[in-house]
Protein backbone atom coordinates (compact mmCIF):
# COMPACT_ATOMS: atom_id res chain seq x y z
CA MET A 1 52.31 46.31 9.84
CA LYS A 2 53.50 45.00 6.26
CA LYS A 3 55.73 42.45 7.80
CA ILE A 4 52.76 41.49 10.76
CA ILE A 5 49.89 41.11 7.95
CA LEU A 6 52.21 39.08 5.58
CA THR A 7 53.14 36.76 8.33
CA PHE A 8 49.77 36.42 9.53
CA ILE A 9 48.75 35.62 5.65
CA ILE A 10 51.15 33.03 6.00
CA MET A 11 49.90 31.54 9.01
CA LEU A 12 46.56 31.45 7.28
CA GLY A 13 47.75 29.55 4.66
CA LEU A 14 49.53 26.92 6.47
CA SER A 15 46.12 26.38 8.53
CA THR A 16 44.10 25.83 5.36
CA SER A 17 46.98 23.36 4.14
CA ALA A 18 47.05 21.47 7.18
CA MET A 19 43.10 21.16 7.25
CA ALA A 20 42.60 20.41 3.63
CA THR A 21 44.70 16.81 4.19
CA GLN A 22 41.80 15.88 7.19
CA LYS A 23 38.95 13.47 5.53
CA SER A 24 35.83 14.39 7.07
CA GLY A 25 32.29 13.35 6.83
CA CYS A 26 31.16 9.24 6.92
CA ILE A 27 31.59 6.41 4.64
CA LEU A 28 29.36 3.69 4.50
CA ALA A 29 30.26 -0.19 5.65
CA GLN A 30 28.19 -3.26 4.51
CA LYS A 31 28.17 -5.90 7.89
CA GLY A 32 27.30 -9.18 7.68
CA LYS A 33 25.18 -11.32 5.24
CA VAL A 34 22.68 -10.15 2.80
CA THR A 35 18.98 -11.78 3.61
CA VAL A 36 16.98 -12.93 0.51
CA ALA A 37 13.22 -13.58 0.70
CA TRP A 38 10.37 -13.56 -1.24
CA MET A 39 6.53 -14.15 -1.52
CA ALA A 40 4.63 -15.87 -3.65
CA PHE A 41 0.56 -16.34 -3.79
CA LYS A 42 -2.06 -18.80 -4.37
CA THR A 43 -6.04 -19.65 -4.53
CA PRO A 44 -8.49 -17.49 -6.55
CA ALA A 45 -7.98 -14.95 -3.22
CA LYS A 46 -4.60 -14.85 -4.20
CA LYS A 47 -3.29 -16.08 -0.55
CA GLY A 48 0.38 -14.72 -0.18
CA VAL A 49 3.34 -17.56 0.94
CA SER A 50 6.75 -16.46 2.25
CA GLY A 51 9.63 -17.35 2.80
CA VAL A 52 13.82 -17.03 2.36
CA PHE A 53 17.02 -18.81 0.77
CA ASP A 54 18.99 -19.66 3.60
CA ASN A 55 22.02 -20.60 1.21
CA SER A 56 23.20 -17.73 -0.84
CA LYS A 57 26.63 -16.38 -1.93
CA TYR A 58 26.94 -12.06 -1.89
CA THR A 59 29.75 -11.07 -3.25
CA PRO A 60 30.40 -7.31 -2.71
CA ILE A 61 31.98 -5.26 -5.24
CA ALA A 62 33.56 -3.16 -2.04
CA LYS A 63 33.01 -3.21 1.59
CA GLU A 64 33.31 0.72 2.00
CA GLY A 65 32.69 3.49 0.43
CA LYS A 66 31.43 7.00 0.14
CA ASN A 67 27.61 6.23 -1.24
CA PHE A 68 25.64 3.24 -1.79
CA ARG A 69 26.83 3.46 -5.67
CA GLU A 70 30.20 2.85 -4.23
CA ILE A 71 29.45 -0.33 -2.26
CA LEU A 72 26.25 -2.05 -4.34
CA VAL A 73 26.80 -1.34 -8.06
CA GLY A 74 28.75 -4.53 -9.59
CA SER A 75 27.66 -6.76 -6.33
CA LYS A 76 26.90 -10.25 -6.83
CA LEU A 77 24.89 -12.82 -5.30
CA SER A 78 23.94 -16.26 -6.33
CA ILE A 79 21.03 -18.36 -4.57
CA ASP A 80 20.68 -21.66 -4.42
CA THR A 81 17.15 -22.41 -4.62
CA SER A 82 17.12 -26.27 -2.96
CA SER A 83 17.74 -24.26 0.46
CA VAL A 84 14.36 -22.83 0.33
CA ASN A 85 12.70 -22.26 3.75
CA SER A 86 8.80 -21.60 4.26
CA LYS A 87 8.98 -22.64 7.73
CA ASN A 88 7.11 -25.50 6.69
CA LYS A 89 9.30 -28.57 5.62
CA SER A 90 6.85 -30.36 3.01
CA ARG A 91 6.22 -27.96 1.56
CA ASP A 92 9.72 -26.74 0.79
CA ALA A 93 10.51 -30.05 -0.49
CA LYS A 94 7.41 -29.56 -2.71
CA LEU A 95 9.10 -26.39 -4.01
CA VAL A 96 11.96 -27.85 -4.83
CA LYS A 97 10.81 -30.66 -6.57
CA PHE A 98 7.72 -29.61 -8.33
CA PHE A 99 9.13 -26.12 -9.45
CA PHE A 100 13.06 -25.44 -9.21
CA GLU A 101 14.21 -28.78 -9.89
CA LYS A 102 12.27 -28.32 -13.28
CA MET A 103 14.35 -25.15 -14.21
CA SER A 104 17.52 -25.39 -16.15
CA SER A 105 19.49 -24.64 -13.23
CA LYS A 106 19.32 -24.73 -9.47
CA LYS A 107 21.00 -21.32 -8.82
CA ILE A 108 19.58 -18.08 -9.39
CA GLU A 109 22.31 -15.47 -10.15
CA ALA A 110 21.64 -11.70 -9.40
CA LYS A 111 23.75 -8.65 -10.16
CA ILE A 112 23.13 -5.01 -9.23
CA LEU A 113 23.42 -2.82 -12.09
CA ALA A 114 22.07 0.68 -10.80
CA ILE A 115 21.21 2.58 -8.35
CA LYS A 116 18.97 6.00 -8.14
CA ALA A 117 18.22 7.95 -5.08
CA ASP A 118 14.78 9.88 -4.60
CA LYS A 119 15.05 13.39 -3.61
CA ARG A 120 15.95 13.66 0.41
CA VAL A 121 13.53 14.78 2.94
CA LYS A 122 14.57 15.57 5.92
CA ASN A 123 14.16 13.20 8.75
CA LYS A 124 12.93 10.43 6.12
CA PRO A 125 14.13 7.51 5.34
CA ARG A 126 16.49 7.34 1.96
CA THR A 127 14.43 6.05 -0.79
CA GLY A 128 15.10 5.40 -4.72
CA VAL A 129 15.63 2.59 -6.74
CA VAL A 130 17.89 -0.33 -7.29
CA THR A 131 18.02 -2.07 -10.59
CA LEU A 132 19.32 -5.88 -10.66
CA GLU A 133 19.73 -8.39 -13.47
CA ILE A 134 18.56 -11.20 -12.76
CA THR A 135 19.13 -14.95 -14.55
CA MET A 136 16.89 -18.04 -13.56
CA ASN A 137 16.41 -20.33 -15.74
CA ASN A 138 19.04 -19.11 -18.08
CA ILE A 139 16.74 -15.79 -18.99
CA THR A 140 18.39 -12.95 -17.90
CA LYS A 141 15.90 -9.93 -17.04
CA LYS A 142 16.55 -6.31 -15.43
CA VAL A 143 14.10 -6.00 -12.55
CA PRO A 144 13.61 -2.67 -10.61
CA MET A 145 13.53 -2.82 -6.78
CA LYS A 146 12.49 -0.17 -4.34
CA TYR A 147 14.81 0.66 -2.14
CA ASN A 148 14.40 1.85 1.59
CA TYR A 149 17.48 2.79 4.57
CA ALA A 150 16.68 3.47 7.61
CA ASN A 151 18.23 2.56 11.01
CA SER A 152 21.42 1.19 9.54
CA ILE A 153 19.60 -1.51 7.07
CA PHE A 154 18.89 -1.06 3.53
CA SER A 155 16.04 -3.17 2.12
CA ALA A 156 14.89 -3.84 -1.79
CA LYS A 157 11.55 -5.01 -2.98
CA GLY A 158 10.42 -5.94 -6.24
CA PHE A 159 8.29 -8.45 -8.00
CA ILE A 160 8.99 -10.62 -11.51
CA ASP A 161 6.98 -12.28 -13.56
CA LEU A 162 7.38 -16.14 -13.80
CA PHE A 163 6.52 -16.26 -17.20
CA ASP A 164 8.92 -13.49 -18.31
CA PHE A 165 11.79 -16.50 -17.38
CA SER A 166 9.75 -18.94 -19.35
CA ALA A 167 8.91 -20.54 -15.92
CA ASN A 168 5.76 -21.60 -17.59
CA LYS A 169 6.25 -25.71 -16.92
CA ALA A 170 7.94 -24.85 -13.53
CA LEU A 171 4.66 -23.02 -12.69
CA ALA A 172 2.32 -26.12 -14.24
CA SER A 173 4.02 -28.60 -12.27
CA ILE A 174 3.89 -27.09 -8.45
CA ASN A 175 0.15 -26.32 -9.54
CA LYS A 176 -0.24 -29.02 -10.14
CA ALA A 177 1.11 -31.01 -7.30
CA CYS A 178 -0.54 -28.70 -4.91
CA PHE A 179 -3.85 -28.71 -7.00
CA ASP A 180 -6.14 -28.94 -3.95
CA LEU A 181 -4.23 -27.14 -1.46
CA HIS A 182 -4.12 -24.32 -4.03
CA GLN A 183 -7.43 -24.26 -5.44
CA GLY A 184 -6.32 -24.60 -8.84
CA LYS A 185 -4.70 -21.28 -8.73
CA THR A 186 -1.30 -21.15 -8.37
CA TRP A 187 -0.12 -17.27 -9.50
CA ASN A 188 2.93 -15.89 -11.69
CA ASP A 189 4.08 -12.75 -10.11
CA VAL A 190 6.07 -13.30 -6.98
CA THR A 191 7.05 -10.82 -4.71
CA ILE A 192 11.31 -10.43 -4.39
CA ALA A 193 13.42 -8.73 -1.58
CA PHE A 194 16.85 -8.51 0.03
CA SER A 195 18.54 -6.42 2.84
CA THR A 196 21.77 -5.85 4.61
CA HIS A 197 23.25 -4.06 7.20
CA ILE A 198 24.89 -1.10 5.90
CA GLU A 199 27.11 1.59 9.14
CA ALA A 200 27.23 4.77 8.57
CA LEU A 201 30.84 5.31 9.86
CA LEU A 202 32.55 8.79 11.26
CA CYS A 203 36.11 8.78 9.39
CA ASN A 204 37.93 11.51 10.19
CA ALA A 205 42.23 11.41 10.21
CA LYS A 206 44.79 13.40 11.78
CA PRO A 207 46.54 16.26 10.39
CA LEU A 208 49.50 15.03 8.07
CA LYS A 209 52.71 16.41 9.92
């Protein structure tokens, strides 16, 4: 009887060891490009004007990881401001000439510094705050952005104050160039956003032999 029990214990130990070599759960994988969007405001009624940047280079810290932190924190983004696209060529030309070209650099650089998740709510999108370090006009600031993850899309939105980036002259320039259209008012706060496709993949491996 003792031999039978001992044999059972050994077999159970071997089975547990084999299971320990398996990987279960899921990994996160970034797919495709990162879309960068913005919304500026004009007129005393604060009418929004939205658009994107067609040319931006995203450098991920890792393409796959066990959580958002592993694939996002440390990732970098370089935006070519001459690629601004508001679906109005005349407006885009003015934005480049009278706003972005008035700054010391034609690129906006960003780096993801941190990410903090909110408490999970069952059957609800994952949410939290992602903190970016943004460099524009040779000024660097930390910008918190609220993120949402649902249906494999990670999206984040935040706000910047152009005065924080010493863009006073650029703002005055575009306001002057569009004075009538803007009714003499171009706002200094701008909504910024980015989104990317992140898939949750099952990662099961066969037991080692």
